[in-house]
Amino acid sequence: MRIGLLLLIALVLTLFFVRFNRHKETVLSKPQTVTQKRLGTIRALCYKFKDTTGIFPASAMDVVLVFPTTDSTILRDGWERSFIFSTNAWGCTVASLGADGTPGGIGENADAVLSLEAPSTKQ
């Protein structure tokens, strides 16, 4: 009888932990949240820039030159560093190097990268 009761308690506890751990989300720090929101705004700006000029911006300065009313704080990550822009034939990448300002890392030091592809012109 005791073994059955212990097994029942173990089963209930296992189900409890599985259920609540499954819904556990990664909590972002305030600078990470700011960075993610600003990357969303930058996505729209980059596509608008491409529609206007025919190319993606190669730097934050390009965005400001084409859209002078752009709030320059949008072009900085949550740690107040400029986003890093790079372009190639396939599109554009915009990145934040995280809290430590160096490539790679985990947690707050993880890079946040936005990759944008140019729409295909083939029909």
PDB file of N, CA and C in Angstrom:
ATOM      1  N   MET A   1       0.820  -1.196   0.000  1.00  0.00           N
ATOM      2  CA  MET A   1       0.000   0.000   0.000  1.00  0.00           C
ATOM      3  C   MET A   1       0.866   1.262   0.000  1.00  0.00           C
ATOM      4  N   ARG A   2       1.940   1.234   0.828  1.00  0.00           N
ATOM      5  CA  ARG A   2       2.832   2.388   0.887  1.00  0.00           C
ATOM      6  C   ARG A   2       3.525   2.617  -0.449  1.00  0.00           C
ATOM      7  N   ILE A   3       3.938   1.568  -1.119  1.00  0.00           N
ATOM      8  CA  ILE A   3       4.612   1.691  -2.411  1.00  0.00           C
ATOM      9  C   ILE A   3       3.667   2.307  -3.433  1.00  0.00           C
ATOM     10  N   GLY A   4       2.409   1.880  -3.433  1.00  0.00           N
ATOM     11  CA  GLY A   4       1.417   2.443  -4.347  1.00  0.00           C
ATOM     12  C   GLY A   4       1.210   3.918  -4.110  1.00  0.00           C
ATOM     13  N   LEU A   5       1.149   4.330  -2.839  1.00  0.00           N
ATOM     14  CA  LEU A   5       0.979   5.735  -2.491  1.00  0.00           C
ATOM     15  C   LEU A   5       2.202   6.549  -2.923  1.00  0.00           C
ATOM     16  N   LEU A   6       3.404   6.010  -2.709  1.00  0.00           N
ATOM     17  CA  LEU A   6       4.623   6.694  -3.131  1.00  0.00           C
ATOM     18  C   LEU A   6       4.691   6.834  -4.642  1.00  0.00           C
ATOM     19  N   LEU A   7       4.279   5.793  -5.344  1.00  0.00           N
ATOM     20  CA  LEU A   7       4.261   5.863  -6.810  1.00  0.00           C
ATOM     21  C   LEU A   7       3.259   6.906  -7.294  1.00  0.00           C
ATOM     22  N   LEU A   8       2.117   6.976  -6.656  1.00  0.00           N
ATOM     23  CA  LEU A   8       1.099   7.957  -7.027  1.00  0.00           C
ATOM     24  C   LEU A   8       1.624   9.382  -6.795  1.00  0.00           C
ATOM     25  N   ILE A   9       2.263   9.609  -5.663  1.00  0.00           N
ATOM     26  CA  ILE A   9       2.831  10.931  -5.366  1.00  0.00           C
ATOM     27  C   ILE A   9       3.923  11.280  -6.380  1.00  0.00           C
ATOM     28  N   ALA A  10       4.778  10.324  -6.706  1.00  0.00           N
ATOM     29  CA  ALA A  10       5.840  10.556  -7.690  1.00  0.00           C
ATOM     30  C   ALA A  10       5.247  10.896  -9.053  1.00  0.00           C
ATOM     31  N   LEU A  11       4.193  10.210  -9.452  1.00  0.00           N
ATOM     32  CA  LEU A  11       3.539  10.473 -10.738  1.00  0.00           C
ATOM     33  C   LEU A  11       2.938  11.873 -10.761  1.00  0.00           C
ATOM     34  N   VAL A  12       2.247  12.247  -9.691  1.00  0.00           N
ATOM     35  CA  VAL A  12       1.623  13.569  -9.620  1.00  0.00           C
ATOM     36  C   VAL A  12       2.701  14.660  -9.675  1.00  0.00           C
ATOM     37  N   LEU A  13       3.776  14.497  -8.923  1.00  0.00           N
ATOM     38  CA  LEU A  13       4.854  15.495  -8.947  1.00  0.00           C
ATOM     39  C   LEU A  13       5.515  15.583 -10.311  1.00  0.00           C
ATOM     40  N   THR A  14       5.721  14.470 -10.956  1.00  0.00           N
ATOM     41  CA  THR A  14       6.316  14.462 -12.297  1.00  0.00           C
ATOM     42  C   THR A  14       5.435  15.208 -13.280  1.00  0.00           C
ATOM     43  N   LEU A  15       4.143  14.920 -13.262  1.00  0.00           N
ATOM     44  CA  LEU A  15       3.213  15.609 -14.166  1.00  0.00           C
ATOM     45  C   LEU A  15       3.174  17.108 -13.880  1.00  0.00           C
ATOM     46  N   PHE A  16       3.213  17.475 -12.605  1.00  0.00           N
ATOM     47  CA  PHE A  16       3.207  18.884 -12.221  1.00  0.00           C
ATOM     48  C   PHE A  16       4.419  19.611 -12.795  1.00  0.00           C
ATOM     49  N   PHE A  17       5.625  19.045 -12.599  1.00  0.00           N
ATOM     50  CA  PHE A  17       6.842  19.689 -13.080  1.00  0.00           C
ATOM     51  C   PHE A  17       6.919  19.722 -14.596  1.00  0.00           C
ATOM     52  N   VAL A  18       6.486  18.668 -15.257  1.00  0.00           N
ATOM     53  CA  VAL A  18       6.496  18.645 -16.721  1.00  0.00           C
ATOM     54  C   VAL A  18       5.559  19.709 -17.261  1.00  0.00           C
ATOM     55  N   ARG A  19       4.384  19.826 -16.698  1.00  0.00           N
ATOM     56  CA  ARG A  19       3.401  20.809 -17.178  1.00  0.00           C
ATOM     57  C   ARG A  19       3.910  22.235 -17.009  1.00  0.00           C
ATOM     58  N   PHE A  20       4.439  22.568 -15.840  1.00  0.00           N
ATOM     59  CA  PHE A  20       4.847  23.947 -15.593  1.00  0.00           C
ATOM     60  C   PHE A  20       6.189  24.292 -16.225  1.00  0.00           C
ATOM     61  N   ASN A  21       7.078  23.368 -16.389  1.00  0.00           N
ATOM     62  CA  ASN A  21       8.350  23.650 -17.056  1.00  0.00           C
ATOM     63  C   ASN A  21       8.172  23.801 -18.551  1.00  0.00           C
ATOM     64  N   ARG A  22       7.163  23.149 -19.117  1.00  0.00           N
ATOM     65  CA  ARG A  22       6.908  23.258 -20.544  1.00  0.00           C
ATOM     66  C   ARG A  22       6.508  24.683 -20.920  1.00  0.00           C
ATOM     67  N   HIS A  23       5.837  25.370 -20.027  1.00  0.00           N
ATOM     68  CA  HIS A  23       5.368  26.724 -20.320  1.00  0.00           C
ATOM     69  C   HIS A  23       6.353  27.795 -19.872  1.00  0.00           C
ATOM     70  N   LYS A  24       7.467  27.371 -19.347  1.00  0.00           N
ATOM     71  CA  LYS A  24       8.482  28.322 -18.901  1.00  0.00           C
ATOM     72  C   LYS A  24       9.113  28.986 -20.124  1.00  0.00           C
ATOM     73  N   GLU A  25       9.131  30.302 -20.148  1.00  0.00           N
ATOM     74  CA  GLU A  25       9.688  31.029 -21.277  1.00  0.00           C
ATOM     75  C   GLU A  25      11.015  31.661 -20.877  1.00  0.00           C
ATOM     76  N   THR A  26      11.841  31.902 -21.880  1.00  0.00           N
ATOM     77  CA  THR A  26      13.082  32.606 -21.628  1.00  0.00           C
ATOM     78  C   THR A  26      12.750  34.063 -21.347  1.00  0.00           C
ATOM     79  N   VAL A  27      13.257  34.576 -20.264  1.00  0.00           N
ATOM     80  CA  VAL A  27      13.010  35.961 -19.895  1.00  0.00           C
ATOM     81  C   VAL A  27      14.181  36.798 -20.398  1.00  0.00           C
ATOM     82  N   LEU A  28      13.859  37.807 -21.198  1.00  0.00           N
ATOM     83  CA  LEU A  28      14.884  38.686 -21.733  1.00  0.00           C
ATOM     84  C   LEU A  28      15.103  39.865 -20.797  1.00  0.00           C
ATOM     85  N   SER A  29      16.329  40.332 -20.724  1.00  0.00           N
ATOM     86  CA  SER A  29      16.621  41.527 -19.939  1.00  0.00           C
ATOM     87  C   SER A  29      16.043  42.740 -20.659  1.00  0.00           C
ATOM     88  N   LYS A  30      15.981  43.866 -19.974  1.00  0.00           N
ATOM     89  CA  LYS A  30      15.457  45.080 -20.598  1.00  0.00           C
ATOM     90  C   LYS A  30      16.248  45.466 -21.843  1.00  0.00           C
ATOM     91  N   PRO A  31      17.598  45.485 -21.800  1.00  0.00           N
ATOM     92  CA  PRO A  31      18.332  45.827 -23.031  1.00  0.00           C
ATOM     93  C   PRO A  31      18.064  44.842 -24.176  1.00  0.00           C
ATOM     94  N   GLN A  32      17.900  43.562 -23.861  1.00  0.00           N
ATOM     95  CA  GLN A  32      17.600  42.582 -24.910  1.00  0.00           C
ATOM     96  C   GLN A  32      16.223  42.849 -25.517  1.00  0.00           C
ATOM     97  N   THR A  33      15.255  43.181 -24.677  1.00  0.00           N
ATOM     98  CA  THR A  33      13.909  43.486 -25.164  1.00  0.00           C
ATOM     99  C   THR A  33      13.927  44.730 -26.047  1.00  0.00           C
ATOM    100  N   VAL A  34      14.639  45.761 -25.610  1.00  0.00           N
ATOM    101  CA  VAL A  34      14.776  46.998 -26.406  1.00  0.00           C
ATOM    102  C   VAL A  34      15.407  46.664 -27.756  1.00  0.00           C
ATOM    103  N   THR A  35      16.453  45.842 -27.735  1.00  0.00           N
ATOM    104  CA  THR A  35      17.148  45.463 -28.968  1.00  0.00           C
ATOM    105  C   THR A  35      16.200  44.742 -29.919  1.00  0.00           C
ATOM    106  N   GLN A  36      15.426  43.788 -29.424  1.00  0.00           N
ATOM    107  CA  GLN A  36      14.497  43.041 -30.274  1.00  0.00           C
ATOM    108  C   GLN A  36      13.432  43.965 -30.883  1.00  0.00           C
ATOM    109  N   LYS A  37      12.903  44.882 -30.082  1.00  0.00           N
ATOM    110  CA  LYS A  37      11.895  45.822 -30.594  1.00  0.00           C
ATOM    111  C   LYS A  37      12.487  46.726 -31.665  1.00  0.00           C
ATOM    112  N   ARG A  38      13.701  47.198 -31.418  1.00  0.00           N
ATOM    113  CA  ARG A  38      14.334  48.089 -32.396  1.00  0.00           C
ATOM    114  C   ARG A  38      14.680  47.337 -33.681  1.00  0.00           C
ATOM    115  N   LEU A  39      15.047  46.071 -33.574  1.00  0.00           N
ATOM    116  CA  LEU A  39      15.305  45.285 -34.792  1.00  0.00           C
ATOM    117  C   LEU A  39      14.025  45.135 -35.619  1.00  0.00           C
ATOM    118  N   GLY A  40      12.889  45.040 -34.957  1.00  0.00           N
ATOM    119  CA  GLY A  40      11.613  44.997 -35.689  1.00  0.00           C
ATOM    120  C   GLY A  40      11.377  46.283 -36.466  1.00  0.00           C
ATOM    121  N   THR A  41      11.682  47.411 -35.857  1.00  0.00           N
ATOM    122  CA  THR A  41      11.542  48.700 -36.537  1.00  0.00           C
ATOM    123  C   THR A  41      12.549  48.819 -37.671  1.00  0.00           C
ATOM    124  N   ILE A  42      13.770  48.357 -37.431  1.00  0.00           N
ATOM    125  CA  ILE A  42      14.816  48.407 -38.460  1.00  0.00           C
ATOM    126  C   ILE A  42      14.432  47.541 -39.655  1.00  0.00           C
ATOM    127  N   ARG A  43      13.784  46.404 -39.414  1.00  0.00           N
ATOM    128  CA  ARG A  43      13.323  45.556 -40.521  1.00  0.00           C
ATOM    129  C   ARG A  43      12.459  46.379 -41.481  1.00  0.00           C
ATOM    130  N   ALA A  44      11.482  47.072 -40.925  1.00  0.00           N
ATOM    131  CA  ALA A  44      10.593  47.884 -41.759  1.00  0.00           C
ATOM    132  C   ALA A  44      11.370  48.998 -42.468  1.00  0.00           C
ATOM    133  N   LEU A  45      12.287  49.645 -41.754  1.00  0.00           N
ATOM    134  CA  LEU A  45      13.095  50.717 -42.359  1.00  0.00           C
ATOM    135  C   LEU A  45      13.970  50.194 -43.497  1.00  0.00           C
ATOM    136  N   CYS A  46      14.552  49.006 -43.315  1.00  0.00           N
ATOM    137  CA  CYS A  46      15.415  48.441 -44.363  1.00  0.00           C
ATOM    138  C   CYS A  46      14.632  48.139 -45.635  1.00  0.00           C
ATOM    139  N   TYR A  47      13.431  47.574 -45.488  1.00  0.00           N
ATOM    140  CA  TYR A  47      12.626  47.295 -46.683  1.00  0.00           C
ATOM    141  C   TYR A  47      12.129  48.586 -47.322  1.00  0.00           C
ATOM    142  N   LYS A  48      11.802  49.577 -46.509  1.00  0.00           N
ATOM    143  CA  LYS A  48      11.402  50.878 -47.051  1.00  0.00           C
ATOM    144  C   LYS A  48      12.580  51.517 -47.785  1.00  0.00           C
ATOM    145  N   PHE A  49      13.765  51.408 -47.213  1.00  0.00           N
ATOM    146  CA  PHE A  49      14.986  51.923 -47.835  1.00  0.00           C
ATOM    147  C   PHE A  49      15.201  51.248 -49.191  1.00  0.00           C
ATOM    148  N   LYS A  50      15.040  49.913 -49.220  1.00  0.00           N
ATOM    149  CA  LYS A  50      15.223  49.174 -50.477  1.00  0.00           C
ATOM    150  C   LYS A  50      14.187  49.584 -51.519  1.00  0.00           C
ATOM    151  N   ASP A  51      12.944  49.779 -51.088  1.00  0.00           N
ATOM    152  CA  ASP A  51      11.905  50.230 -52.025  1.00  0.00           C
ATOM    153  C   ASP A  51      12.225  51.613 -52.597  1.00  0.00           C
ATOM    154  N   THR A  52      12.843  52.459 -51.779  1.00  0.00           N
ATOM    155  CA  THR A  52      13.154  53.833 -52.191  1.00  0.00           C
ATOM    156  C   THR A  52      14.407  53.900 -53.063  1.00  0.00           C
ATOM    157  N   THR A  53      15.455  53.150 -52.690  1.00  0.00           N
ATOM    158  CA  THR A  53      16.753  53.291 -53.357  1.00  0.00           C
ATOM    159  C   THR A  53      17.115  52.133 -54.286  1.00  0.00           C
ATOM    160  N   GLY A  54      16.441  50.995 -54.110  1.00  0.00           N
ATOM    161  CA  GLY A  54      16.763  49.819 -54.913  1.00  0.00           C
ATOM    162  C   GLY A  54      17.790  48.900 -54.269  1.00  0.00           C
ATOM    163  N   ILE A  55      18.376  49.334 -53.154  1.00  0.00           N
ATOM    164  CA  ILE A  55      19.364  48.516 -52.437  1.00  0.00           C
ATOM    165  C   ILE A  55      19.068  48.568 -50.936  1.00  0.00           C
ATOM    166  N   PHE A  56      19.640  47.632 -50.194  1.00  0.00           N
ATOM    167  CA  PHE A  56      19.530  47.675 -48.743  1.00  0.00           C
ATOM    168  C   PHE A  56      20.565  48.651 -48.189  1.00  0.00           C
ATOM    169  N   PRO A  57      20.314  49.223 -47.004  1.00  0.00           N
ATOM    170  CA  PRO A  57      21.308  50.126 -46.419  1.00  0.00           C
ATOM    171  C   PRO A  57      22.555  49.367 -45.975  1.00  0.00           C
ATOM    172  N   ALA A  58      23.715  49.987 -46.170  1.00  0.00           N
ATOM    173  CA  ALA A  58      24.981  49.378 -45.757  1.00  0.00           C
ATOM    174  C   ALA A  58      25.382  49.836 -44.358  1.00  0.00           C
ATOM    175  N   SER A  59      24.686  50.854 -43.834  1.00  0.00           N
ATOM    176  CA  SER A  59      25.015  51.370 -42.502  1.00  0.00           C
ATOM    177  C   SER A  59      23.810  52.115 -41.934  1.00  0.00           C
ATOM    178  N   ALA A  60      23.880  52.400 -40.654  1.00  0.00           N
ATOM    179  CA  ALA A  60      22.829  53.197 -40.017  1.00  0.00           C
ATOM    180  C   ALA A  60      22.810  54.600 -40.624  1.00  0.00           C
ATOM    181  N   MET A  61      23.978  55.104 -40.985  1.00  0.00           N
ATOM    182  CA  MET A  61      24.071  56.436 -41.578  1.00  0.00           C
ATOM    183  C   MET A  61      23.295  56.500 -42.896  1.00  0.00           C
ATOM    184  N   ASP A  62      23.327  55.427 -43.683  1.00  0.00           N
ATOM    185  CA  ASP A  62      22.549  55.387 -44.930  1.00  0.00           C
ATOM    186  C   ASP A  62      21.067  55.614 -44.642  1.00  0.00           C
ATOM    187  N   VAL A  63      20.564  54.979 -43.593  1.00  0.00           N
ATOM    188  CA  VAL A  63      19.148  55.123 -43.230  1.00  0.00           C
ATOM    189  C   VAL A  63      18.842  56.575 -42.877  1.00  0.00           C
ATOM    190  N   VAL A  64      19.710  57.190 -42.097  1.00  0.00           N
ATOM    191  CA  VAL A  64      19.505  58.581 -41.680  1.00  0.00           C
ATOM    192  C   VAL A  64      19.575  59.525 -42.879  1.00  0.00           C
ATOM    193  N   LEU A  65      20.491  59.262 -43.819  1.00  0.00           N
ATOM    194  CA  LEU A  65      20.611  60.123 -44.998  1.00  0.00           C
ATOM    195  C   LEU A  65      19.366  60.060 -45.879  1.00  0.00           C
ATOM    196  N   VAL A  66      18.792  58.866 -46.024  1.00  0.00           N
ATOM    197  CA  VAL A  66      17.608  58.725 -46.871  1.00  0.00           C
ATOM    198  C   VAL A  66      16.338  59.141 -46.123  1.00  0.00           C
ATOM    199  N   PHE A  67      16.290  58.854 -44.834  1.00  0.00           N
ATOM    200  CA  PHE A  67      15.137  59.215 -44.004  1.00  0.00           C
ATOM    201  C   PHE A  67      15.612  60.079 -42.834  1.00  0.00           C
ATOM    202  N   PRO A  68      15.851  61.385 -43.089  1.00  0.00           N
ATOM    203  CA  PRO A  68      16.450  62.246 -42.061  1.00  0.00           C
ATOM    204  C   PRO A  68      15.610  62.403 -40.794  1.00  0.00           C
ATOM    205  N   THR A  69      14.332  62.125 -40.850  1.00  0.00           N
ATOM    206  CA  THR A  69      13.493  62.276 -39.655  1.00  0.00           C
ATOM    207  C   THR A  69      13.525  61.030 -38.760  1.00  0.00           C
ATOM    208  N   THR A  70      14.330  60.029 -39.142  1.00  0.00           N
ATOM    209  CA  THR A  70      14.434  58.815 -38.344  1.00  0.00           C
ATOM    210  C   THR A  70      15.039  59.129 -36.981  1.00  0.00           C
ATOM    211  N   ASP A  71      14.391  58.655 -35.932  1.00  0.00           N
ATOM    212  CA  ASP A  71      14.919  58.819 -34.573  1.00  0.00           C
ATOM    213  C   ASP A  71      16.181  57.971 -34.469  1.00  0.00           C
ATOM    214  N   SER A  72      17.323  58.607 -34.226  1.00  0.00           N
ATOM    215  CA  SER A  72      18.603  57.890 -34.238  1.00  0.00           C
ATOM    216  C   SER A  72      18.717  56.852 -33.117  1.00  0.00           C
ATOM    217  N   THR A  73      17.914  56.975 -32.057  1.00  0.00           N
ATOM    218  CA  THR A  73      17.982  55.965 -30.996  1.00  0.00           C
ATOM    219  C   THR A  73      17.505  54.604 -31.486  1.00  0.00           C
ATOM    220  N   ILE A  74      16.666  54.585 -32.502  1.00  0.00           N
ATOM    221  CA  ILE A  74      16.194  53.319 -33.072  1.00  0.00           C
ATOM    222  C   ILE A  74      17.354  52.539 -33.677  1.00  0.00           C
ATOM    223  N   LEU A  75      18.394  53.241 -34.097  1.00  0.00           N
ATOM    224  CA  LEU A  75      19.523  52.608 -34.768  1.00  0.00           C
ATOM    225  C   LEU A  75      20.621  52.170 -33.790  1.00  0.00           C
ATOM    226  N   ARG A  76      20.285  52.170 -32.482  1.00  0.00           N
ATOM    227  CA  ARG A  76      21.207  51.699 -31.443  1.00  0.00           C
ATOM    228  C   ARG A  76      20.532  50.574 -30.674  1.00  0.00           C
ATOM    229  N   ASP A  77      21.336  49.604 -30.240  1.00  0.00           N
ATOM    230  CA  ASP A  77      20.767  48.473 -29.506  1.00  0.00           C
ATOM    231  C   ASP A  77      20.466  48.865 -28.058  1.00  0.00           C
ATOM    232  N   GLY A  78      20.025  47.929 -27.280  1.00  0.00           N
ATOM    233  CA  GLY A  78      19.653  48.193 -25.896  1.00  0.00           C
ATOM    234  C   GLY A  78      20.811  48.584 -25.001  1.00  0.00           C
ATOM    235  N   TRP A  79      22.034  48.409 -25.485  1.00  0.00           N
ATOM    236  CA  TRP A  79      23.231  48.791 -24.732  1.00  0.00           C
ATOM    237  C   TRP A  79      23.813  50.094 -25.302  1.00  0.00           C
ATOM    238  N   GLU A  80      23.032  50.755 -26.152  1.00  0.00           N
ATOM    239  CA  GLU A  80      23.389  52.044 -26.760  1.00  0.00           C
ATOM    240  C   GLU A  80      24.576  51.970 -27.709  1.00  0.00           C
ATOM    241  N   ARG A  81      24.768  50.787 -28.318  1.00  0.00           N
ATOM    242  CA  ARG A  81      25.790  50.650 -29.370  1.00  0.00           C
ATOM    243  C   ARG A  81      25.095  50.640 -30.722  1.00  0.00           C
ATOM    244  N   SER A  82      25.768  51.164 -31.729  1.00  0.00           N
ATOM    245  CA  SER A  82      25.193  51.142 -33.080  1.00  0.00           C
ATOM    246  C   SER A  82      25.030  49.706 -33.558  1.00  0.00           C
ATOM    247  N   PHE A  83      23.918  49.450 -34.239  1.00  0.00           N
ATOM    248  CA  PHE A  83      23.750  48.152 -34.894  1.00  0.00           C
ATOM    249  C   PHE A  83      24.778  48.036 -36.000  1.00  0.00           C
ATOM    250  N   ILE A  84      25.194  46.825 -36.286  1.00  0.00           N
ATOM    251  CA  ILE A  84      26.169  46.568 -37.342  1.00  0.00           C
ATOM    252  C   ILE A  84      25.410  46.119 -38.586  1.00  0.00           C
ATOM    253  N   PHE A  85      25.547  46.863 -39.659  1.00  0.00           N
ATOM    254  CA  PHE A  85      24.885  46.553 -40.926  1.00  0.00           C
ATOM    255  C   PHE A  85      25.890  45.901 -41.864  1.00  0.00           C
ATOM    256  N   SER A  86      25.457  44.910 -42.615  1.00  0.00           N
ATOM    257  CA  SER A  86      26.275  44.371 -43.715  1.00  0.00           C
ATOM    258  C   SER A  86      25.333  43.948 -44.824  1.00  0.00           C
ATOM    259  N   THR A  87      25.790  44.127 -46.042  1.00  0.00           N
ATOM    260  CA  THR A  87      24.964  43.777 -47.202  1.00  0.00           C
ATOM    261  C   THR A  87      25.752  42.865 -48.136  1.00  0.00           C
ATOM    262  N   ASN A  88      25.019  42.118 -48.923  1.00  0.00           N
ATOM    263  CA  ASN A  88      25.609  41.305 -49.981  1.00  0.00           C
ATOM    264  C   ASN A  88      24.573  41.180 -51.095  1.00  0.00           C
ATOM    265  N   ALA A  89      24.854  40.370 -52.084  1.00  0.00           N
ATOM    266  CA  ALA A  89      23.961  40.245 -53.235  1.00  0.00           C
ATOM    267  C   ALA A  89      22.599  39.662 -52.849  1.00  0.00           C
ATOM    268  N   TRP A  90      22.532  38.953 -51.729  1.00  0.00           N
ATOM    269  CA  TRP A  90      21.285  38.275 -51.346  1.00  0.00           C
ATOM    270  C   TRP A  90      20.440  39.059 -50.377  1.00  0.00           C
ATOM    271  N   GLY A  91      20.999  40.092 -49.746  1.00  0.00           N
ATOM    272  CA  GLY A  91      20.207  40.843 -48.784  1.00  0.00           C
ATOM    273  C   GLY A  91      21.043  41.653 -47.818  1.00  0.00           C
ATOM    274  N   CYS A  92      20.570  41.726 -46.596  1.00  0.00           N
ATOM    275  CA  CYS A  92      21.157  42.590 -45.581  1.00  0.00           C
ATOM    276  C   CYS A  92      21.097  41.883 -44.228  1.00  0.00           C
ATOM    277  N   THR A  93      22.106  42.125 -43.416  1.00  0.00           N
ATOM    278  CA  THR A  93      22.135  41.614 -42.047  1.00  0.00           C
ATOM    279  C   THR A  93      22.362  42.792 -41.111  1.00  0.00           C
ATOM    280  N   VAL A  94      21.584  42.817 -40.034  1.00  0.00           N
ATOM    281  CA  VAL A  94      21.740  43.843 -39.009  1.00  0.00           C
ATOM    282  C   VAL A  94      21.944  43.102 -37.698  1.00  0.00           C
ATOM    283  N   ALA A  95      22.978  43.479 -36.944  1.00  0.00           N
ATOM    284  CA  ALA A  95      23.299  42.722 -35.731  1.00  0.00           C
ATOM    285  C   ALA A  95      23.640  43.624 -34.551  1.00  0.00           C
ATOM    286  N   SER A  96      23.331  43.091 -33.369  1.00  0.00           N
ATOM    287  CA  SER A  96      23.789  43.645 -32.095  1.00  0.00           C
ATOM    288  C   SER A  96      24.694  42.587 -31.484  1.00  0.00           C
ATOM    289  N   LEU A  97      25.808  43.002 -30.914  1.00  0.00           N
ATOM    290  CA  LEU A  97      26.750  42.049 -30.329  1.00  0.00           C
ATOM    291  C   LEU A  97      26.481  41.764 -28.855  1.00  0.00           C
ATOM    292  N   GLY A  98      25.306  42.122 -28.358  1.00  0.00           N
ATOM    293  CA  GLY A  98      24.937  41.798 -26.990  1.00  0.00           C
ATOM    294  C   GLY A  98      25.632  42.677 -25.954  1.00  0.00           C
ATOM    295  N   ALA A  99      25.469  42.291 -24.696  1.00  0.00           N
ATOM    296  CA  ALA A  99      25.968  43.098 -23.579  1.00  0.00           C
ATOM    297  C   ALA A  99      27.479  43.271 -23.589  1.00  0.00           C
ATOM    298  N   ASP A 100      28.204  42.237 -24.009  1.00  0.00           N
ATOM    299  CA  ASP A 100      29.674  42.317 -23.964  1.00  0.00           C
ATOM    300  C   ASP A 100      30.284  42.986 -25.189  1.00  0.00           C
ATOM    301  N   GLY A 101      29.482  43.213 -26.240  1.00  0.00           N
ATOM    302  CA  GLY A 101      29.980  43.891 -27.437  1.00  0.00           C
ATOM    303  C   GLY A 101      30.945  43.086 -28.271  1.00  0.00           C
ATOM    304  N   THR A 102      31.003  41.767 -28.049  1.00  0.00           N
ATOM    305  CA  THR A 102      31.880  40.897 -28.836  1.00  0.00           C
ATOM    306  C   THR A 102      31.043  39.808 -29.488  1.00  0.00           C
ATOM    307  N   PRO A 103      31.491  39.285 -30.631  1.00  0.00           N
ATOM    308  CA  PRO A 103      30.721  38.249 -31.332  1.00  0.00           C
ATOM    309  C   PRO A 103      30.515  37.002 -30.471  1.00  0.00           C
ATOM    310  N   GLY A 104      29.345  36.382 -30.639  1.00  0.00           N
ATOM    311  CA  GLY A 104      29.017  35.148 -29.929  1.00  0.00           C
ATOM    312  C   GLY A 104      28.498  35.435 -28.536  1.00  0.00           C
ATOM    313  N   GLY A 105      28.477  34.408 -27.723  1.00  0.00           N
ATOM    314  CA  GLY A 105      28.048  34.571 -26.343  1.00  0.00           C
ATOM    315  C   GLY A 105      26.701  33.915 -26.080  1.00  0.00           C
ATOM    316  N   ILE A 106      26.363  33.843 -24.797  1.00  0.00           N
ATOM    317  CA  ILE A 106      25.074  33.298 -24.386  1.00  0.00           C
ATOM    318  C   ILE A 106      24.421  34.270 -23.418  1.00  0.00           C
ATOM    319  N   GLY A 107      23.132  34.102 -23.207  1.00  0.00           N
ATOM    320  CA  GLY A 107      22.400  34.993 -22.305  1.00  0.00           C
ATOM    321  C   GLY A 107      22.445  36.418 -22.815  1.00  0.00           C
ATOM    322  N   GLU A 108      22.738  37.354 -21.929  1.00  0.00           N
ATOM    323  CA  GLU A 108      22.801  38.767 -22.320  1.00  0.00           C
ATOM    324  C   GLU A 108      23.910  39.048 -23.317  1.00  0.00           C
ATOM    325  N   ASN A 109      24.926  38.198 -23.367  1.00  0.00           N
ATOM    326  CA  ASN A 109      26.046  38.404 -24.291  1.00  0.00           C
ATOM    327  C   ASN A 109      25.770  37.859 -25.691  1.00  0.00           C
ATOM    328  N   ALA A 110      24.652  37.179 -25.867  1.00  0.00           N
ATOM    329  CA  ALA A 110      24.318  36.589 -27.171  1.00  0.00           C
ATOM    330  C   ALA A 110      24.052  37.680 -28.200  1.00  0.00           C
ATOM    331  N   ASP A 111      24.466  37.415 -29.426  1.00  0.00           N
ATOM    332  CA  ASP A 111      24.204  38.332 -30.527  1.00  0.00           C
ATOM    333  C   ASP A 111      22.732  38.250 -30.920  1.00  0.00           C
ATOM    334  N   ALA A 112      22.186  39.374 -31.346  1.00  0.00           N
ATOM    335  CA  ALA A 112      20.844  39.414 -31.928  1.00  0.00           C
ATOM    336  C   ALA A 112      21.034  39.773 -33.392  1.00  0.00           C
ATOM    337  N   VAL A 113      20.591  38.905 -34.296  1.00  0.00           N
ATOM    338  CA  VAL A 113      20.854  39.094 -35.722  1.00  0.00           C
ATOM    339  C   VAL A 113      19.549  39.098 -36.502  1.00  0.00           C
ATOM    340  N   LEU A 114      19.409  40.086 -37.357  1.00  0.00           N
ATOM    341  CA  LEU A 114      18.270  40.211 -38.268  1.00  0.00           C
ATOM    342  C   LEU A 114      18.796  39.998 -39.677  1.00  0.00           C
ATOM    343  N   SER A 115      18.302  38.983 -40.371  1.00  0.00           N
ATOM    344  CA  SER A 115      18.713  38.710 -41.759  1.00  0.00           C
ATOM    345  C   SER A 115      17.538  39.006 -42.684  1.00  0.00           C
ATOM    346  N   LEU A 116      17.772  39.848 -43.660  1.00  0.00           N
ATOM    347  CA  LEU A 116      16.754  40.209 -44.631  1.00  0.00           C
ATOM    348  C   LEU A 116      17.184  39.766 -46.004  1.00  0.00           C
ATOM    349  N   GLU A 117      16.289  39.118 -46.704  1.00  0.00           N
ATOM    350  CA  GLU A 117      16.606  38.675 -48.062  1.00  0.00           C
ATOM    351  C   GLU A 117      15.917  39.551 -49.071  1.00  0.00           C
ATOM    352  N   ALA A 118      16.645  39.813 -50.148  1.00  0.00           N
ATOM    353  CA  ALA A 118      16.045  40.565 -51.244  1.00  0.00           C
ATOM    354  C   ALA A 118      15.029  39.660 -51.925  1.00  0.00           C
ATOM    355  N   PRO A 119      13.849  40.191 -52.243  1.00  0.00           N
ATOM    356  CA  PRO A 119      12.859  39.369 -52.945  1.00  0.00           C
ATOM    357  C   PRO A 119      13.423  38.892 -54.280  1.00  0.00           C
ATOM    358  N   SER A 120      13.102  37.683 -54.632  1.00  0.00           N
ATOM    359  CA  SER A 120      13.560  37.105 -55.890  1.00  0.00           C
ATOM    360  C   SER A 120      12.911  37.846 -57.054  1.00  0.00           C
ATOM    361  N   THR A 121      13.715  38.138 -58.079  1.00  0.00           N
ATOM    362  CA  THR A 121      13.172  38.811 -59.261  1.00  0.00           C
ATOM    363  C   THR A 121      12.839  37.820 -60.359  1.00  0.00           C
ATOM    364  N   LYS A 122      13.160  36.532 -60.135  1.00  0.00           N
ATOM    365  CA  LYS A 122      12.839  35.522 -61.145  1.00  0.00           C
ATOM    366  C   LYS A 122      11.353  35.213 -61.119  1.00  0.00           C
ATOM    367  N   GLN A 123      10.800  35.051 -62.287  1.00  0.00           N
ATOM    368  CA  GLN A 123       9.363  34.718 -62.418  1.00  0.00           C
ATOM    369  C   GLN A 123       9.205  33.371 -63.029  1.00  0.00           C
TER     370      GLN A 123
END
